[in-house]
Amino acid sequence: MTSSSFRHRARVGVFAVLALAIALYLGLYQSGAFGSVWEPFFGAGSRQVLHSPLASKLPIPDALLGAFAYLLEIITLCIGGDSRSIAKPWAVLMYLGIALAIGLTGIGLISYQSFVIHQWCTLCLEAIARIIGERRAGNSWSIALRGNAKENVKHAP
């Protein structure tokens, strides 16, 4: 299975779909659709994280911004066939940019929870863990930078 194959990208996409579902749930909570949020480990941590000063400064719930980013990631995973690293390099670069932004944002959010508000949100951490799992399953950097090794082999005439 090559890094550009649909099967490989589908496996990576499963993690993004799970993160999307979590972010949508958290965004609905932040919007007031639910009166409480599921939190099995950190008591009031999720409520404090999801209603933190940083989250309150944005015009829309930050979890919905994350859901939008995950949706863009899923869309870019679906663009192109098995030879997309050659046929549609812009799609691969777009995927890399989105994946990098999501990864850096995840690191920032973990840092914010740890060092600024000193509280944890189980589902926030789970969404970030899904993305780490996705990177391990898909090796995003390899997909974006090298593409499909079989595609890059030049055949003799």
N, C-alpha and C. Protein backbone atom coordinates (compact mmCIF):
# COMPACT_ATOMS: atom_id res chain seq x y z
N MET A 1 0.85 -1.17 0.00
CA MET A 1 0.00 0.00 0.00
C MET A 1 0.90 1.24 0.00
N THR A 2 0.69 2.11 -0.97
CA THR A 2 1.50 3.31 -1.08
C THR A 2 0.84 4.47 -0.35
N SER A 3 1.63 5.51 -0.08
CA SER A 3 1.11 6.64 0.68
C SER A 3 0.05 7.43 -0.07
N SER A 4 -0.01 7.31 -1.39
CA SER A 4 -1.02 8.02 -2.16
C SER A 4 -2.24 7.17 -2.48
N SER A 5 -2.20 5.89 -2.15
CA SER A 5 -3.32 5.02 -2.47
C SER A 5 -4.57 5.44 -1.70
N PHE A 6 -5.70 5.20 -2.31
CA PHE A 6 -6.96 5.58 -1.67
C PHE A 6 -7.12 4.83 -0.34
N ARG A 7 -6.75 3.57 -0.33
CA ARG A 7 -6.89 2.76 0.89
C ARG A 7 -6.07 3.36 2.04
N HIS A 8 -4.88 3.79 1.73
CA HIS A 8 -4.02 4.39 2.74
C HIS A 8 -4.61 5.71 3.23
N ARG A 9 -5.07 6.55 2.29
CA ARG A 9 -5.65 7.83 2.67
C ARG A 9 -6.96 7.64 3.43
N ALA A 10 -7.71 6.59 3.11
CA ALA A 10 -8.96 6.32 3.84
C ALA A 10 -8.66 5.96 5.29
N ARG A 11 -7.61 5.20 5.49
CA ARG A 11 -7.20 4.84 6.85
C ARG A 11 -6.83 6.09 7.65
N VAL A 12 -6.13 7.00 7.01
CA VAL A 12 -5.77 8.27 7.64
C VAL A 12 -7.04 9.09 7.90
N GLY A 13 -7.96 9.07 6.94
CA GLY A 13 -9.18 9.85 7.05
C GLY A 13 -10.08 9.43 8.20
N VAL A 14 -10.02 8.17 8.59
CA VAL A 14 -10.83 7.70 9.72
C VAL A 14 -10.51 8.50 10.98
N PHE A 15 -9.24 8.76 11.22
CA PHE A 15 -8.85 9.55 12.39
C PHE A 15 -9.37 10.98 12.29
N ALA A 16 -9.32 11.54 11.09
CA ALA A 16 -9.82 12.91 10.90
C ALA A 16 -11.34 12.97 11.10
N VAL A 17 -12.05 11.94 10.67
CA VAL A 17 -13.51 11.91 10.86
C VAL A 17 -13.83 11.82 12.35
N LEU A 18 -13.10 11.03 13.10
CA LEU A 18 -13.31 10.94 14.55
C LEU A 18 -13.04 12.29 15.22
N ALA A 19 -11.96 12.94 14.83
CA ALA A 19 -11.65 14.26 15.39
C ALA A 19 -12.72 15.27 15.01
N LEU A 20 -13.24 15.19 13.79
CA LEU A 20 -14.33 16.07 13.35
C LEU A 20 -15.56 15.88 14.23
N ALA A 21 -15.93 14.63 14.49
CA ALA A 21 -17.11 14.35 15.32
C ALA A 21 -16.94 14.91 16.73
N ILE A 22 -15.75 14.74 17.30
CA ILE A 22 -15.49 15.27 18.65
C ILE A 22 -15.57 16.79 18.64
N ALA A 23 -14.96 17.42 17.64
CA ALA A 23 -14.96 18.88 17.57
C ALA A 23 -16.39 19.42 17.37
N LEU A 24 -17.20 18.73 16.59
CA LEU A 24 -18.59 19.16 16.41
C LEU A 24 -19.36 19.08 17.72
N TYR A 25 -19.17 18.00 18.45
CA TYR A 25 -19.83 17.85 19.76
C TYR A 25 -19.42 18.97 20.70
N LEU A 26 -18.12 19.23 20.78
CA LEU A 26 -17.63 20.28 21.67
C LEU A 26 -18.11 21.66 21.21
N GLY A 27 -18.16 21.86 19.90
CA GLY A 27 -18.65 23.13 19.37
C GLY A 27 -20.13 23.34 19.67
N LEU A 28 -20.90 22.27 19.60
CA LEU A 28 -22.33 22.38 19.95
C LEU A 28 -22.50 22.70 21.44
N TYR A 29 -21.67 22.10 22.27
CA TYR A 29 -21.70 22.44 23.70
C TYR A 29 -21.36 23.92 23.89
N GLN A 30 -20.29 24.37 23.25
CA GLN A 30 -19.90 25.78 23.38
C GLN A 30 -20.99 26.72 22.88
N SER A 31 -21.77 26.28 21.90
CA SER A 31 -22.85 27.10 21.34
C SER A 31 -24.09 27.10 22.22
N GLY A 32 -24.13 26.22 23.22
CA GLY A 32 -25.27 26.16 24.12
C GLY A 32 -26.30 25.11 23.75
N ALA A 33 -26.00 24.26 22.76
CA ALA A 33 -26.93 23.21 22.36
C ALA A 33 -27.07 22.15 23.44
N PHE A 34 -26.04 21.97 24.26
CA PHE A 34 -26.06 21.02 25.37
C PHE A 34 -25.77 21.78 26.65
N GLY A 35 -26.41 21.38 27.73
CA GLY A 35 -26.20 22.04 29.01
C GLY A 35 -24.94 21.60 29.72
N SER A 36 -24.43 20.43 29.36
CA SER A 36 -23.21 19.93 29.99
C SER A 36 -22.39 19.19 28.93
N VAL A 37 -21.14 18.98 29.26
CA VAL A 37 -20.24 18.26 28.36
C VAL A 37 -19.71 17.03 29.10
N TRP A 38 -19.54 15.95 28.36
CA TRP A 38 -19.04 14.71 28.96
C TRP A 38 -17.60 14.90 29.41
N GLU A 39 -17.33 14.60 30.68
CA GLU A 39 -15.99 14.75 31.24
C GLU A 39 -15.76 13.70 32.32
N PRO A 40 -15.14 12.56 31.96
CA PRO A 40 -14.99 11.47 32.92
C PRO A 40 -13.79 11.58 33.86
N PHE A 41 -12.80 12.44 33.54
CA PHE A 41 -11.55 12.41 34.30
C PHE A 41 -11.20 13.70 35.04
N PHE A 42 -11.56 14.86 34.50
CA PHE A 42 -11.02 16.11 35.02
C PHE A 42 -12.06 17.03 35.66
N GLY A 43 -13.15 16.47 36.16
CA GLY A 43 -14.16 17.26 36.86
C GLY A 43 -14.71 18.39 36.00
N ALA A 44 -14.49 19.60 36.44
CA ALA A 44 -14.97 20.78 35.71
C ALA A 44 -13.98 21.25 34.65
N GLY A 45 -12.95 20.48 34.42
CA GLY A 45 -11.90 20.88 33.49
C GLY A 45 -12.41 21.22 32.09
N SER A 46 -13.26 20.37 31.54
CA SER A 46 -13.76 20.62 30.18
C SER A 46 -14.53 21.93 30.13
N ARG A 47 -15.39 22.17 31.10
CA ARG A 47 -16.16 23.43 31.10
C ARG A 47 -15.22 24.63 31.18
N GLN A 48 -14.19 24.53 32.01
CA GLN A 48 -13.26 25.65 32.15
C GLN A 48 -12.43 25.85 30.88
N VAL A 49 -12.02 24.78 30.25
CA VAL A 49 -11.26 24.89 29.01
C VAL A 49 -12.14 25.45 27.90
N LEU A 50 -13.35 24.91 27.77
CA LEU A 50 -14.23 25.31 26.67
C LEU A 50 -14.83 26.70 26.84
N HIS A 51 -14.77 27.23 28.05
CA HIS A 51 -15.25 28.60 28.30
C HIS A 51 -14.11 29.47 28.81
N SER A 52 -12.90 29.15 28.41
CA SER A 52 -11.72 29.91 28.84
C SER A 52 -11.71 31.29 28.19
N PRO A 53 -10.88 32.19 28.69
CA PRO A 53 -10.78 33.52 28.08
C PRO A 53 -10.42 33.46 26.59
N LEU A 54 -9.54 32.54 26.22
CA LEU A 54 -9.18 32.40 24.81
C LEU A 54 -10.39 31.99 23.98
N ALA A 55 -11.13 31.00 24.43
CA ALA A 55 -12.31 30.54 23.69
C ALA A 55 -13.37 31.63 23.64
N SER A 56 -13.48 32.43 24.68
CA SER A 56 -14.51 33.47 24.74
C SER A 56 -14.21 34.66 23.83
N LYS A 57 -12.96 34.85 23.45
CA LYS A 57 -12.58 35.99 22.61
C LYS A 57 -12.96 35.81 21.15
N LEU A 58 -13.19 34.59 20.74
CA LEU A 58 -13.48 34.33 19.33
C LEU A 58 -14.97 34.56 19.05
N PRO A 59 -15.29 34.99 17.82
CA PRO A 59 -16.70 35.25 17.50
C PRO A 59 -17.55 33.98 17.38
N ILE A 60 -16.92 32.85 17.12
CA ILE A 60 -17.62 31.57 17.07
C ILE A 60 -16.86 30.58 17.96
N PRO A 61 -17.50 29.52 18.39
CA PRO A 61 -16.80 28.54 19.24
C PRO A 61 -15.54 28.00 18.57
N ASP A 62 -14.46 27.97 19.33
CA ASP A 62 -13.20 27.51 18.77
C ASP A 62 -13.26 26.05 18.32
N ALA A 63 -14.07 25.25 18.97
CA ALA A 63 -14.20 23.85 18.55
C ALA A 63 -14.81 23.75 17.15
N LEU A 64 -15.68 24.69 16.79
CA LEU A 64 -16.24 24.68 15.44
C LEU A 64 -15.18 25.07 14.41
N LEU A 65 -14.25 25.93 14.79
CA LEU A 65 -13.12 26.23 13.90
C LEU A 65 -12.28 24.97 13.68
N GLY A 66 -12.09 24.22 14.75
CA GLY A 66 -11.36 22.95 14.62
C GLY A 66 -12.11 21.97 13.73
N ALA A 67 -13.43 21.91 13.88
CA ALA A 67 -14.23 21.02 13.04
C ALA A 67 -14.09 21.41 11.57
N PHE A 68 -14.08 22.70 11.30
CA PHE A 68 -13.91 23.17 9.93
C PHE A 68 -12.53 22.75 9.39
N ALA A 69 -11.51 22.87 10.20
CA ALA A 69 -10.16 22.45 9.78
C ALA A 69 -10.11 20.95 9.49
N TYR A 70 -10.75 20.15 10.35
CA TYR A 70 -10.78 18.71 10.11
C TYR A 70 -11.54 18.38 8.83
N LEU A 71 -12.62 19.12 8.57
CA LEU A 71 -13.39 18.91 7.34
C LEU A 71 -12.53 19.23 6.12
N LEU A 72 -11.78 20.33 6.16
CA LEU A 72 -10.88 20.66 5.05
C LEU A 72 -9.83 19.57 4.86
N GLU A 73 -9.34 19.04 5.96
CA GLU A 73 -8.35 17.97 5.87
C GLU A 73 -8.95 16.74 5.18
N ILE A 74 -10.17 16.39 5.54
CA ILE A 74 -10.84 15.23 4.93
C ILE A 74 -11.04 15.48 3.43
N ILE A 75 -11.45 16.68 3.08
CA ILE A 75 -11.65 17.01 1.66
C ILE A 75 -10.35 16.88 0.89
N THR A 76 -9.25 17.42 1.44
CA THR A 76 -7.98 17.33 0.71
C THR A 76 -7.46 15.90 0.63
N LEU A 77 -7.83 15.07 1.58
CA LEU A 77 -7.45 13.66 1.49
C LEU A 77 -8.18 12.96 0.34
N CYS A 78 -9.37 13.45 0.00
CA CYS A 78 -10.19 12.82 -1.04
C CYS A 78 -9.83 13.27 -2.45
N ILE A 79 -9.06 14.33 -2.58
CA ILE A 79 -8.73 14.87 -3.90
C ILE A 79 -7.68 13.99 -4.58
N GLY A 80 -7.96 13.60 -5.81
CA GLY A 80 -6.98 12.90 -6.63
C GLY A 80 -6.97 11.40 -6.43
N GLY A 81 -6.36 10.75 -7.36
CA GLY A 81 -6.25 9.29 -7.34
C GLY A 81 -4.94 8.84 -6.74
N ASP A 82 -4.54 7.63 -7.10
CA ASP A 82 -3.32 7.05 -6.55
C ASP A 82 -2.06 7.78 -6.99
N SER A 83 -2.13 8.53 -8.06
CA SER A 83 -0.95 9.26 -8.54
C SER A 83 -1.07 10.75 -8.25
N ARG A 84 -1.75 11.11 -7.20
CA ARG A 84 -2.01 12.52 -6.91
C ARG A 84 -0.75 13.32 -6.62
N SER A 85 0.31 12.69 -6.13
CA SER A 85 1.53 13.44 -5.85
C SER A 85 2.16 13.97 -7.13
N ILE A 86 1.85 13.35 -8.26
CA ILE A 86 2.35 13.83 -9.55
C ILE A 86 1.26 14.62 -10.27
N ALA A 87 0.04 14.08 -10.30
CA ALA A 87 -1.05 14.71 -11.04
C ALA A 87 -1.61 15.96 -10.37
N LYS A 88 -1.65 15.98 -9.05
CA LYS A 88 -2.23 17.11 -8.32
C LYS A 88 -1.34 17.48 -7.13
N PRO A 89 -0.13 17.94 -7.40
CA PRO A 89 0.77 18.28 -6.27
C PRO A 89 0.21 19.39 -5.40
N TRP A 90 -0.62 20.26 -5.95
CA TRP A 90 -1.23 21.33 -5.16
C TRP A 90 -2.12 20.75 -4.06
N ALA A 91 -2.79 19.62 -4.35
CA ALA A 91 -3.65 18.99 -3.34
C ALA A 91 -2.81 18.42 -2.21
N VAL A 92 -1.68 17.86 -2.56
CA VAL A 92 -0.79 17.30 -1.54
C VAL A 92 -0.24 18.41 -0.66
N LEU A 93 0.16 19.52 -1.28
CA LEU A 93 0.68 20.65 -0.51
C LEU A 93 -0.40 21.29 0.35
N MET A 94 -1.62 21.34 -0.17
CA MET A 94 -2.73 21.89 0.61
C MET A 94 -2.98 21.00 1.83
N TYR A 95 -2.96 19.68 1.62
CA TYR A 95 -3.13 18.75 2.73
C TYR A 95 -2.02 18.94 3.77
N LEU A 96 -0.80 19.07 3.31
CA LEU A 96 0.32 19.27 4.23
C LEU A 96 0.13 20.54 5.05
N GLY A 97 -0.27 21.63 4.40
CA GLY A 97 -0.48 22.89 5.10
C GLY A 97 -1.56 22.78 6.16
N ILE A 98 -2.66 22.13 5.81
CA ILE A 98 -3.76 21.96 6.77
C ILE A 98 -3.33 21.05 7.91
N ALA A 99 -2.67 19.95 7.59
CA ALA A 99 -2.21 19.01 8.62
C ALA A 99 -1.21 19.69 9.56
N LEU A 100 -0.33 20.49 9.00
CA LEU A 100 0.65 21.21 9.82
C LEU A 100 -0.06 22.21 10.74
N ALA A 101 -1.01 22.96 10.20
CA ALA A 101 -1.75 23.93 11.01
C ALA A 101 -2.51 23.25 12.15
N ILE A 102 -3.14 22.12 11.84
CA ILE A 102 -3.88 21.39 12.88
C ILE A 102 -2.92 20.86 13.94
N GLY A 103 -1.80 20.33 13.52
CA GLY A 103 -0.82 19.80 14.47
C GLY A 103 -0.26 20.89 15.38
N LEU A 104 0.10 22.03 14.81
CA LEU A 104 0.63 23.13 15.61
C LEU A 104 -0.43 23.70 16.55
N THR A 105 -1.66 23.78 16.07
CA THR A 105 -2.75 24.25 16.92
C THR A 105 -2.97 23.29 18.09
N GLY A 106 -2.89 21.98 17.82
CA GLY A 106 -3.03 20.99 18.88
C GLY A 106 -1.96 21.14 19.95
N ILE A 107 -0.73 21.37 19.52
CA ILE A 107 0.36 21.59 20.47
C ILE A 107 0.09 22.85 21.29
N GLY A 108 -0.38 23.89 20.60
CA GLY A 108 -0.71 25.13 21.30
C GLY A 108 -1.83 24.95 22.32
N LEU A 109 -2.85 24.18 21.96
CA LEU A 109 -3.97 23.97 22.87
C LEU A 109 -3.57 23.13 24.09
N ILE A 110 -2.73 22.14 23.87
CA ILE A 110 -2.24 21.36 25.00
C ILE A 110 -1.42 22.26 25.93
N SER A 111 -0.58 23.09 25.35
CA SER A 111 0.23 24.02 26.15
C SER A 111 -0.66 24.99 26.92
N TYR A 112 -1.69 25.50 26.26
CA TYR A 112 -2.61 26.44 26.90
C TYR A 112 -3.32 25.78 28.08
N GLN A 113 -3.78 24.55 27.89
CA GLN A 113 -4.45 23.84 28.98
C GLN A 113 -3.48 23.61 30.14
N SER A 114 -2.25 23.27 29.83
CA SER A 114 -1.26 22.95 30.87
C SER A 114 -0.76 24.17 31.62
N PHE A 115 -0.34 25.18 30.88
CA PHE A 115 0.43 26.26 31.47
C PHE A 115 -0.36 27.53 31.76
N VAL A 116 -1.51 27.69 31.13
CA VAL A 116 -2.26 28.93 31.33
C VAL A 116 -3.48 28.72 32.22
N ILE A 117 -4.36 27.80 31.83
CA ILE A 117 -5.57 27.62 32.64
C ILE A 117 -5.47 26.46 33.63
N HIS A 118 -4.44 25.66 33.52
CA HIS A 118 -4.17 24.57 34.47
C HIS A 118 -5.36 23.63 34.63
N GLN A 119 -6.03 23.37 33.54
CA GLN A 119 -7.17 22.45 33.51
C GLN A 119 -7.06 21.61 32.24
N TRP A 120 -7.72 20.46 32.26
CA TRP A 120 -7.69 19.56 31.10
C TRP A 120 -9.10 19.26 30.63
N CYS A 121 -9.22 18.99 29.37
CA CYS A 121 -10.49 18.64 28.72
C CYS A 121 -10.29 17.28 28.05
N THR A 122 -10.96 16.26 28.53
CA THR A 122 -10.77 14.90 28.01
C THR A 122 -11.00 14.83 26.50
N LEU A 123 -12.12 15.34 26.03
CA LEU A 123 -12.43 15.23 24.60
C LEU A 123 -11.51 16.10 23.75
N CYS A 124 -11.06 17.22 24.29
CA CYS A 124 -10.09 18.04 23.55
C CYS A 124 -8.79 17.24 23.36
N LEU A 125 -8.36 16.60 24.42
CA LEU A 125 -7.15 15.78 24.33
C LEU A 125 -7.37 14.58 23.41
N GLU A 126 -8.57 14.02 23.43
CA GLU A 126 -8.88 12.88 22.57
C GLU A 126 -8.84 13.29 21.10
N ALA A 127 -9.37 14.46 20.77
CA ALA A 127 -9.32 14.93 19.39
C ALA A 127 -7.87 15.11 18.94
N ILE A 128 -7.05 15.66 19.82
CA ILE A 128 -5.64 15.83 19.49
C ILE A 128 -4.96 14.47 19.35
N ALA A 129 -5.32 13.52 20.22
CA ALA A 129 -4.76 12.17 20.12
C ALA A 129 -5.15 11.51 18.79
N ARG A 130 -6.35 11.77 18.31
CA ARG A 130 -6.78 11.23 17.01
C ARG A 130 -5.88 11.75 15.91
N ILE A 131 -5.52 13.01 15.99
CA ILE A 131 -4.67 13.60 14.96
C ILE A 131 -3.26 13.02 15.05
N ILE A 132 -2.77 12.80 16.25
CA ILE A 132 -1.46 12.15 16.40
C ILE A 132 -1.52 10.75 15.82
N GLY A 133 -2.61 10.04 16.10
CA GLY A 133 -2.80 8.70 15.52
C GLY A 133 -2.87 8.75 14.01
N GLU A 134 -3.50 9.77 13.49
CA GLU A 134 -3.58 9.94 12.03
C GLU A 134 -2.19 10.14 11.45
N ARG A 135 -1.40 10.96 12.09
CA ARG A 135 -0.05 11.22 11.58
C ARG A 135 0.78 9.93 11.58
N ARG A 136 0.59 9.13 12.63
CA ARG A 136 1.33 7.87 12.69
C ARG A 136 0.82 6.90 11.62
N ALA A 137 -0.49 6.85 11.43
CA ALA A 137 -1.07 5.93 10.44
C ALA A 137 -0.71 6.34 9.03
N GLY A 138 -0.69 7.64 8.79
CA GLY A 138 -0.50 8.11 7.44
C GLY A 138 0.86 8.66 7.14
N ASN A 139 1.64 8.91 8.18
CA ASN A 139 2.93 9.52 7.98
C ASN A 139 2.78 10.71 7.04
N SER A 140 1.99 11.70 7.46
CA SER A 140 1.62 12.85 6.64
C SER A 140 2.80 13.51 5.96
N TRP A 141 3.88 13.61 6.66
CA TRP A 141 5.03 14.31 6.09
C TRP A 141 5.59 13.52 4.92
N SER A 142 5.62 12.21 5.04
CA SER A 142 6.09 11.38 3.94
C SER A 142 5.15 11.48 2.75
N ILE A 143 3.85 11.47 3.01
CA ILE A 143 2.87 11.59 1.93
C ILE A 143 3.09 12.89 1.18
N ALA A 144 3.26 13.96 1.90
CA ALA A 144 3.35 15.26 1.27
C ALA A 144 4.69 15.51 0.61
N LEU A 145 5.76 15.11 1.25
CA LEU A 145 7.08 15.46 0.75
C LEU A 145 7.63 14.51 -0.29
N ARG A 146 7.37 13.22 -0.14
CA ARG A 146 7.91 12.26 -1.09
C ARG A 146 6.87 11.72 -2.04
N GLY A 147 5.64 11.69 -1.60
CA GLY A 147 4.59 11.12 -2.44
C GLY A 147 4.74 9.62 -2.54
N ASN A 148 4.21 9.07 -3.59
CA ASN A 148 4.22 7.63 -3.82
C ASN A 148 5.56 7.23 -4.41
N ALA A 149 6.32 6.39 -3.72
CA ALA A 149 7.64 5.98 -4.19
C ALA A 149 7.56 5.29 -5.55
N LYS A 150 6.50 4.50 -5.78
CA LYS A 150 6.36 3.81 -7.06
C LYS A 150 6.14 4.78 -8.21
N GLU A 151 5.49 5.93 -7.92
CA GLU A 151 5.23 6.91 -8.96
C GLU A 151 6.51 7.60 -9.39
N ASN A 152 7.47 7.71 -8.48
CA ASN A 152 8.68 8.48 -8.76
C ASN A 152 9.77 7.65 -9.44
N VAL A 153 9.53 6.38 -9.65
CA VAL A 153 10.51 5.53 -10.33
C VAL A 153 10.36 5.71 -11.83
N LYS A 154 11.47 6.00 -12.48
CA LYS A 154 11.44 6.18 -13.93
C LYS A 154 11.66 4.81 -14.59
N HIS A 155 10.79 4.52 -15.51
CA HIS A 155 10.88 3.24 -16.21
C HIS A 155 11.67 3.42 -17.50
N ALA A 156 12.45 2.42 -17.83
CA ALA A 156 13.23 2.45 -19.08
C ALA A 156 12.27 2.34 -20.27
N PRO A 157 12.59 3.03 -21.37
CA PRO A 157 11.71 2.97 -22.55
C PRO A 157 11.65 1.61 -23.19
